[in-house]
Amino acid sequence: MRARILLASLMCVPVLTACLPRAERFDGARVPEASALGPNRAATEWWYVSAYLPDTGQAFHWAQFKVNYQGVPYNVAHVAVTDLNTGQVQFLENRAPGATFTFPPLRVRQGDWSLTQEGAGNTAGFRLVAGPLDVTLTPQKGPVVHPPGYSGTPETGQLYYQSVTRLSVGGTVAGRAARGTAWLDHQWGDQQPGRTALWDWFGVHLSDGSDLMLYRVRTPDGRVVQLAGSEVGADGVARAVGNVSMTPARTWVSGSGRTYVLDWTVRSDRGELTLRAVNDTQELLARSTFVAYWEGPVRGEGRWGGNSVTVDGMGEFVGGPLSGAELSRTP
C-alpha cells in the first residue's frame, strides 16, 4: 500500500487540486462529540455497518475507508454478504474514483455505493446501498463514544471511536428480504490497520437490551497492548466494562494458512459470556487494503448483569498484511 501511495504522491505534485491538507495529529485529550459522524482530517478513517440477521438467514458488513497519506487521498469500500443457509460468502471491493464525504447529514459515497443519513439529529435513519445491499437502518439508540474515547495505544496508533450500536434493518440483501439488527461504527486517527495494529473485535447485542463492544489490540508480533470493553445499556449510555478478559478457545486455520480464534470466553465485572462463530469460512483477503481478516456472525450465551442472556452480533479478527503472492494473485 505504501508503495502505491508514494507513487500517487508523485502524480499529485502537478495536480495540486488532488492533494489534501496533511492529516491532523491524534490528541487523546480531545473526546469527540458522539453525534459528529462526519469526516475528519485524519490519516485513517472508516465508517462500518455490520449485521447478523438470523431470522432471514443472512449476515453482512460494509466498510468505507478514507486514507490521507501525507496529503495523498486513497479511498476504497468493501462489502461482504453471507448466506447462512449455504455458508456462501460474497466479497466485493470498490475502488471507483471520486469518493465524497459530507456532514451534516452524513453522506458517504464511492461510485454507486453510498451510506446516506435521511435527516438530521440522533434519531435520523440511514440508507445503505452497496452492491447486493439495499437496506434501511433505523437507530434504536443514539450515537455514543466508547470510553476512553479511542482505541489503540501510541505504539500501535490510535483511533477515535464512536458508534450507533443498535439499528433495526429493513430492505433487501442479495435480493432477499432482510430483517434484524445492525451496528454502525465510525473511527479515525493515526493507526495503520493490519500493519501497526491487529485486533480481535466484537460488536454484539444482548437479549437484555444492552450492546457490548470488545476490542483486543495486538502488535504485529502478537503482544496484546490494549483490552477494552464498552457496554451501551438499554438507557443508551456507554460505560466502560471493568476487569474484562477475552480468553481464546477454538481456533480455525483458513485456506490462506492463517489461524484465527473463532470461539472465546469473555469475563468481566458484569458477568461471563461464551461467544462462537456461526460460520467458520469467513476469511476475506482484501487486496484494496492489503489486509487479511475474518469477519462474520457470532452468537453465544451466559450471564450478564446478574441475568441469563443470549448474544448475537459480529466479530472481526485481523490476520495481518497480505503477502506479495496474495496481492499478485488474480481474484
Protein backbone atom coordinates (compact mmCIF):
# COMPACT_ATOMS: atom_id res chain seq x y z
CA MET A 1 0.00 0.00 0.00
CA ARG A 2 2.77 2.42 0.88
CA ALA A 3 4.46 1.93 -2.50
CA ARG A 4 1.22 2.70 -4.28
CA ILE A 5 0.56 5.80 -2.22
CA LEU A 6 4.10 7.06 -2.73
CA LEU A 7 3.61 6.63 -6.46
CA ALA A 8 0.35 8.54 -6.18
CA SER A 9 2.14 11.32 -4.32
CA LEU A 10 4.44 11.86 -7.30
CA MET A 11 1.38 12.13 -9.52
CA CYS A 12 -0.21 14.54 -7.05
CA VAL A 13 2.51 17.17 -7.37
CA PRO A 14 1.43 18.67 -10.71
CA VAL A 15 -2.26 18.27 -9.87
CA LEU A 16 -2.47 20.20 -6.63
CA THR A 17 -6.25 20.05 -6.53
CA ALA A 18 -5.95 16.30 -5.94
CA CYS A 19 -3.84 16.79 -2.82
CA LEU A 20 -5.22 17.13 0.69
CA PRO A 21 -4.05 19.09 3.73
CA ARG A 22 -1.82 16.94 5.91
CA ALA A 23 -3.67 14.84 8.48
CA GLU A 24 -4.13 16.28 11.95
CA ARG A 25 -2.28 14.63 14.81
CA PHE A 26 -4.24 12.39 17.14
CA ASP A 27 -4.97 14.03 20.51
CA GLY A 28 -6.25 11.61 23.15
CA ALA A 29 -7.23 14.51 25.42
CA ARG A 30 -9.88 15.58 22.93
CA VAL A 31 -13.02 13.46 23.19
CA PRO A 32 -15.17 13.73 20.06
CA GLU A 33 -18.87 14.57 20.11
CA ALA A 34 -20.93 11.39 19.88
CA SER A 35 -23.21 12.84 17.21
CA ALA A 36 -20.38 14.15 14.97
CA LEU A 37 -20.45 11.29 12.46
CA GLY A 38 -18.89 13.28 9.61
CA PRO A 39 -15.43 13.20 8.02
CA ASN A 40 -12.27 14.40 9.73
CA ARG A 41 -8.78 15.41 8.64
CA ALA A 42 -7.31 12.11 9.76
CA ALA A 43 -4.67 9.79 8.35
CA THR A 44 -7.07 6.85 8.57
CA GLU A 45 -10.86 6.93 8.83
CA TRP A 46 -13.68 4.50 8.24
CA TRP A 47 -17.41 4.02 8.51
CA TYR A 48 -18.64 0.49 9.06
CA VAL A 49 -22.03 -1.26 9.22
CA SER A 50 -22.39 -4.92 10.16
CA ALA A 51 -25.37 -7.16 10.87
CA TYR A 52 -26.12 -10.77 11.78
CA LEU A 53 -29.70 -11.46 10.66
CA PRO A 54 -30.61 -14.94 11.95
CA ASP A 55 -34.33 -14.54 11.20
CA THR A 56 -33.64 -14.15 7.47
CA GLY A 57 -30.51 -16.35 7.30
CA GLN A 58 -28.04 -13.62 6.37
CA ALA A 59 -25.08 -11.61 7.60
CA PHE A 60 -23.29 -8.67 6.02
CA HIS A 61 -20.79 -5.93 6.54
CA TRP A 62 -19.93 -2.79 4.59
CA ALA A 63 -16.92 -0.58 5.23
CA GLN A 64 -15.80 2.69 3.65
CA PHE A 65 -12.15 3.63 4.12
CA LYS A 66 -10.71 7.14 3.74
CA VAL A 67 -6.92 7.39 3.88
CA ASN A 68 -4.79 10.54 3.80
CA TYR A 69 -1.17 9.50 3.32
CA GLN A 70 0.92 12.68 3.57
CA GLY A 71 -1.70 14.62 1.64
CA VAL A 72 -2.45 11.89 -0.91
CA PRO A 73 -6.04 10.54 -0.81
CA TYR A 74 -6.82 6.83 -1.09
CA ASN A 75 -10.42 5.63 -0.79
CA VAL A 76 -11.89 2.15 -1.05
CA ALA A 77 -15.02 0.33 0.14
CA HIS A 78 -15.81 -3.32 0.95
CA VAL A 79 -19.00 -5.39 1.12
CA ALA A 80 -19.27 -8.98 2.30
CA VAL A 81 -22.55 -10.93 2.38
CA THR A 82 -23.03 -14.39 3.90
CA ASP A 83 -25.92 -16.68 3.01
CA LEU A 84 -26.26 -18.64 6.23
CA ASN A 85 -28.38 -21.30 4.53
CA THR A 86 -25.50 -22.32 2.27
CA GLY A 87 -22.45 -20.81 4.02
CA GLN A 88 -21.53 -19.00 0.79
CA VAL A 89 -19.69 -15.67 1.22
CA GLN A 90 -19.69 -12.95 -1.46
CA PHE A 91 -16.94 -10.33 -1.10
CA LEU A 92 -16.73 -7.19 -3.24
CA GLU A 93 -14.21 -4.33 -3.28
CA ASN A 94 -14.95 -0.88 -4.70
CA ARG A 95 -12.09 1.31 -5.96
CA ALA A 96 -14.23 3.72 -8.00
CA PRO A 97 -12.74 7.25 -8.24
CA GLY A 98 -14.30 10.37 -6.82
CA ALA A 99 -15.37 9.35 -3.29
CA THR A 100 -17.21 12.07 -1.35
CA PHE A 101 -17.82 12.60 2.36
CA THR A 102 -20.15 15.28 3.77
CA PHE A 103 -21.90 16.08 7.06
CA PRO A 104 -24.49 17.04 8.26
CA PRO A 105 -26.36 14.95 7.42
CA LEU A 106 -23.88 12.15 6.84
CA ARG A 107 -23.40 11.26 3.17
CA VAL A 108 -20.64 8.83 2.25
CA ARG A 109 -20.33 7.81 -1.39
CA GLN A 110 -17.88 5.91 -3.58
CA GLY A 111 -19.08 5.21 -7.11
CA ASP A 112 -22.65 3.96 -6.82
CA TRP A 113 -22.21 2.74 -3.23
CA SER A 114 -23.47 5.08 -0.53
CA LEU A 115 -24.47 5.48 3.09
CA THR A 116 -26.93 8.36 3.43
CA GLN A 117 -28.38 9.77 6.63
CA GLU A 118 -32.02 10.55 5.93
CA GLY A 119 -32.49 13.66 8.05
CA ALA A 120 -30.85 15.49 10.94
CA GLY A 121 -30.40 14.56 14.57
CA ASN A 122 -29.63 11.43 16.54
CA THR A 123 -32.85 9.64 15.56
CA ALA A 124 -32.40 10.08 11.79
CA GLY A 125 -32.22 6.82 9.89
CA PHE A 126 -29.79 5.74 7.18
CA ARG A 127 -29.99 4.08 3.80
CA LEU A 128 -27.12 1.85 2.71
CA VAL A 129 -26.87 0.97 -0.98
CA ALA A 130 -23.77 -1.02 -1.89
CA GLY A 131 -23.62 -3.89 -4.35
CA PRO A 132 -26.01 -6.55 -3.01
CA LEU A 133 -27.12 -4.29 -0.12
CA ASP A 134 -30.16 -2.02 -0.24
CA VAL A 135 -31.14 -1.62 3.39
CA THR A 136 -32.62 0.94 5.74
CA LEU A 137 -31.07 1.36 9.19
CA THR A 138 -33.25 2.89 11.90
CA PRO A 139 -31.43 3.80 15.15
CA GLN A 140 -32.87 2.26 18.30
CA LYS A 141 -30.30 4.16 20.39
CA GLY A 142 -28.37 7.36 19.86
CA PRO A 143 -24.67 7.57 18.97
CA VAL A 144 -22.07 7.06 21.70
CA VAL A 145 -18.33 7.46 22.20
CA HIS A 146 -16.73 4.35 23.66
CA PRO A 147 -14.70 5.02 26.82
CA PRO A 148 -12.00 6.37 26.95
CA GLY A 149 -12.91 7.84 23.55
CA TYR A 150 -10.46 5.92 21.38
CA SER A 151 -8.93 2.51 20.67
CA GLY A 152 -5.26 1.60 20.36
CA THR A 153 -2.09 2.86 22.02
CA PRO A 154 0.70 5.27 20.99
CA GLU A 155 2.71 2.22 19.95
CA THR A 156 0.05 0.89 17.55
CA GLY A 157 -1.57 4.18 16.62
CA GLN A 158 -4.91 5.37 17.97
CA LEU A 159 -8.40 5.88 16.59
CA TYR A 160 -11.28 7.92 17.98
CA TYR A 161 -14.23 5.55 18.36
CA GLN A 162 -17.95 6.28 18.15
CA SER A 163 -20.89 4.02 17.32
CA VAL A 164 -24.60 3.63 16.88
CA THR A 165 -24.77 0.20 18.45
CA ARG A 166 -28.35 -0.84 17.68
CA LEU A 167 -30.23 -0.16 14.45
CA SER A 168 -33.19 -2.07 13.01
CA VAL A 169 -32.66 -3.40 9.49
CA GLY A 170 -35.16 -3.42 6.62
CA GLY A 171 -34.83 -3.71 2.85
CA THR A 172 -33.02 -6.38 0.89
CA VAL A 173 -29.70 -8.22 0.94
CA ALA A 174 -28.76 -10.02 -2.28
CA GLY A 175 -32.35 -9.64 -3.46
CA ARG A 176 -33.87 -11.26 -0.36
CA ALA A 177 -35.88 -9.50 2.31
CA ALA A 178 -33.68 -8.63 5.29
CA ARG A 179 -34.76 -8.16 8.90
CA GLY A 180 -32.79 -7.85 12.12
CA THR A 181 -30.34 -5.64 13.99
CA ALA A 182 -27.20 -3.83 12.82
CA TRP A 183 -24.23 -1.97 14.32
CA LEU A 184 -22.59 1.20 12.91
CA ASP A 185 -19.02 2.29 13.74
CA HIS A 186 -17.01 5.40 12.88
CA GLN A 187 -13.30 5.56 13.69
CA TRP A 188 -10.48 7.92 12.73
CA GLY A 189 -6.91 8.66 13.78
CA ASP A 190 -3.30 7.73 13.02
CA GLN A 191 -3.38 3.92 13.13
CA GLN A 192 -2.39 1.75 10.15
CA PRO A 193 -4.72 -1.26 10.47
CA GLY A 194 -3.12 -4.59 9.67
CA ARG A 195 0.39 -3.13 9.92
CA THR A 196 0.92 -1.23 13.15
CA ALA A 197 -2.11 -2.88 14.78
CA LEU A 198 -4.02 -6.15 14.65
CA TRP A 199 -7.16 -6.77 16.68
CA ASP A 200 -9.93 -9.09 17.82
CA TRP A 201 -13.23 -7.18 17.91
CA PHE A 202 -16.85 -7.92 18.76
CA GLY A 203 -19.95 -5.77 18.37
CA VAL A 204 -22.82 -7.81 19.84
CA HIS A 205 -26.39 -7.38 21.04
CA LEU A 206 -27.59 -8.97 24.28
CA SER A 207 -31.13 -10.17 24.88
CA ASP A 208 -31.46 -7.83 27.89
CA GLY A 209 -31.35 -4.83 25.53
CA SER A 210 -27.70 -3.93 26.09
CA ASP A 211 -24.93 -3.87 23.48
CA LEU A 212 -21.31 -4.86 24.06
CA MET A 213 -18.17 -3.77 22.23
CA LEU A 214 -14.99 -5.75 22.92
CA TYR A 215 -11.61 -4.73 21.49
CA ARG A 216 -8.31 -6.59 21.94
CA VAL A 217 -5.46 -4.73 20.19
CA ARG A 218 -2.29 -6.62 19.26
CA THR A 219 1.07 -5.58 17.86
CA PRO A 220 2.27 -7.29 14.66
CA ASP A 221 4.40 -9.66 16.78
CA GLY A 222 1.30 -10.76 18.75
CA ARG A 223 1.60 -8.82 22.02
CA VAL A 224 -1.75 -7.69 23.47
CA VAL A 225 -1.36 -3.98 24.30
CA GLN A 226 -4.98 -2.99 24.90
CA LEU A 227 -8.11 -4.81 26.04
CA ALA A 228 -11.27 -2.74 26.34
CA GLY A 229 -14.96 -3.35 26.79
CA SER A 230 -17.81 -0.87 26.44
CA GLU A 231 -21.44 -1.62 27.32
CA VAL A 232 -24.27 0.51 25.96
CA GLY A 233 -27.20 -0.13 28.23
CA ALA A 234 -30.88 -0.06 27.42
CA ASP A 235 -30.68 3.60 28.53
CA GLY A 236 -28.32 4.34 25.61
CA VAL A 237 -25.33 5.29 27.82
CA ALA A 238 -21.87 3.86 27.08
CA ARG A 239 -19.97 2.66 30.15
CA ALA A 240 -16.55 1.02 30.41
CA VAL A 241 -16.64 -2.66 31.42
CA GLY A 242 -14.31 -3.36 34.34
CA ASN A 243 -11.81 -6.22 34.61
CA VAL A 244 -12.65 -7.57 31.16
CA SER A 245 -10.76 -10.54 29.73
CA MET A 246 -11.04 -12.39 26.41
CA THR A 247 -9.78 -15.97 26.58
CA PRO A 248 -9.22 -17.76 23.24
CA ALA A 249 -10.84 -21.17 22.82
CA ARG A 250 -11.39 -22.90 19.46
CA THR A 251 -9.14 -21.91 16.55
CA TRP A 252 -9.56 -22.39 12.80
CA VAL A 253 -6.95 -22.45 10.02
CA SER A 254 -8.07 -20.71 6.83
CA GLY A 255 -7.27 -21.61 3.27
CA SER A 256 -4.53 -18.95 3.31
CA GLY A 257 -2.84 -20.75 6.22
CA ARG A 258 -3.68 -18.12 8.85
CA THR A 259 -5.01 -19.16 12.24
CA TYR A 260 -7.99 -17.32 13.72
CA VAL A 261 -9.54 -17.71 17.16
CA LEU A 262 -13.26 -18.17 16.47
CA ASP A 263 -14.61 -19.11 19.91
CA TRP A 264 -14.00 -17.05 23.05
CA THR A 265 -14.81 -16.81 26.74
CA VAL A 266 -15.39 -13.27 27.99
CA ARG A 267 -15.23 -12.46 31.71
CA SER A 268 -15.73 -9.15 33.48
CA ASP A 269 -17.29 -7.42 36.46
CA ARG A 270 -20.59 -7.65 34.57
CA GLY A 271 -20.54 -11.41 34.05
CA GLU A 272 -19.32 -14.15 31.75
CA LEU A 273 -20.18 -14.90 28.12
CA THR A 274 -19.26 -17.59 25.62
CA LEU A 275 -19.07 -16.34 22.01
CA ARG A 276 -18.84 -18.66 18.99
CA ALA A 277 -18.55 -18.18 15.23
CA VAL A 278 -21.67 -19.11 13.27
CA ASN A 279 -19.84 -19.84 10.00
CA ASP A 280 -16.11 -20.61 10.02
CA THR A 281 -15.22 -19.81 6.41
CA GLN A 282 -15.38 -16.00 6.68
CA GLU A 283 -11.78 -15.05 5.88
CA LEU A 284 -11.52 -12.10 3.48
CA LEU A 285 -8.36 -11.28 1.52
CA ALA A 286 -8.79 -7.57 0.82
CA ARG A 287 -6.41 -6.61 -1.98
CA SER A 288 -7.56 -3.00 -1.94
CA THR A 289 -6.49 -2.54 1.70
CA PHE A 290 -3.77 -5.23 1.59
CA VAL A 291 -5.07 -6.96 4.73
CA ALA A 292 -6.41 -10.43 5.58
CA TYR A 293 -9.17 -10.60 8.16
CA TRP A 294 -12.00 -12.80 9.39
CA GLU A 295 -15.36 -11.05 9.50
CA GLY A 296 -18.60 -12.83 10.33
CA PRO A 297 -21.57 -13.56 12.57
CA VAL A 298 -21.21 -14.78 16.14
CA ARG A 299 -23.64 -15.94 18.80
CA GLY A 300 -23.46 -17.06 22.40
CA GLU A 301 -24.90 -17.03 25.86
CA GLY A 302 -24.02 -16.51 29.50
CA ARG A 303 -24.84 -14.34 32.48
CA TRP A 304 -24.62 -10.55 32.32
CA GLY A 305 -25.67 -8.07 34.98
CA GLY A 306 -26.95 -10.95 37.07
CA ASN A 307 -29.27 -12.27 34.34
CA SER A 308 -29.11 -15.09 31.82
CA VAL A 309 -28.71 -13.70 28.30
CA THR A 310 -28.32 -14.80 24.72
CA VAL A 311 -25.98 -12.90 22.40
CA ASP A 312 -25.71 -12.31 18.66
CA GLY A 313 -23.70 -9.92 16.52
CA MET A 314 -20.48 -9.74 14.53
CA GLY A 315 -16.79 -10.39 15.10
CA GLU A 316 -13.70 -9.16 13.28
CA PHE A 317 -10.25 -10.69 13.71
CA VAL A 318 -7.34 -9.21 11.75
CA GLY A 319 -4.85 -11.72 10.41
CA GLY A 320 -2.24 -9.29 9.10
CA PRO A 321 -1.00 -7.93 5.78
CA LEU A 322 -1.29 -9.87 2.54
CA SER A 323 1.84 -11.42 1.10
CA GLY A 324 3.26 -10.37 -2.26
CA ALA A 325 1.98 -13.61 -3.76
CA GLU A 326 -1.53 -12.97 -2.43
CA LEU A 327 -1.51 -9.43 -3.82
CA SER A 328 -0.42 -10.60 -7.26
CA ARG A 329 -2.90 -13.45 -7.42
CA THR A 330 -5.89 -12.95 -9.72
CA PRO A 331 -9.09 -12.62 -7.61
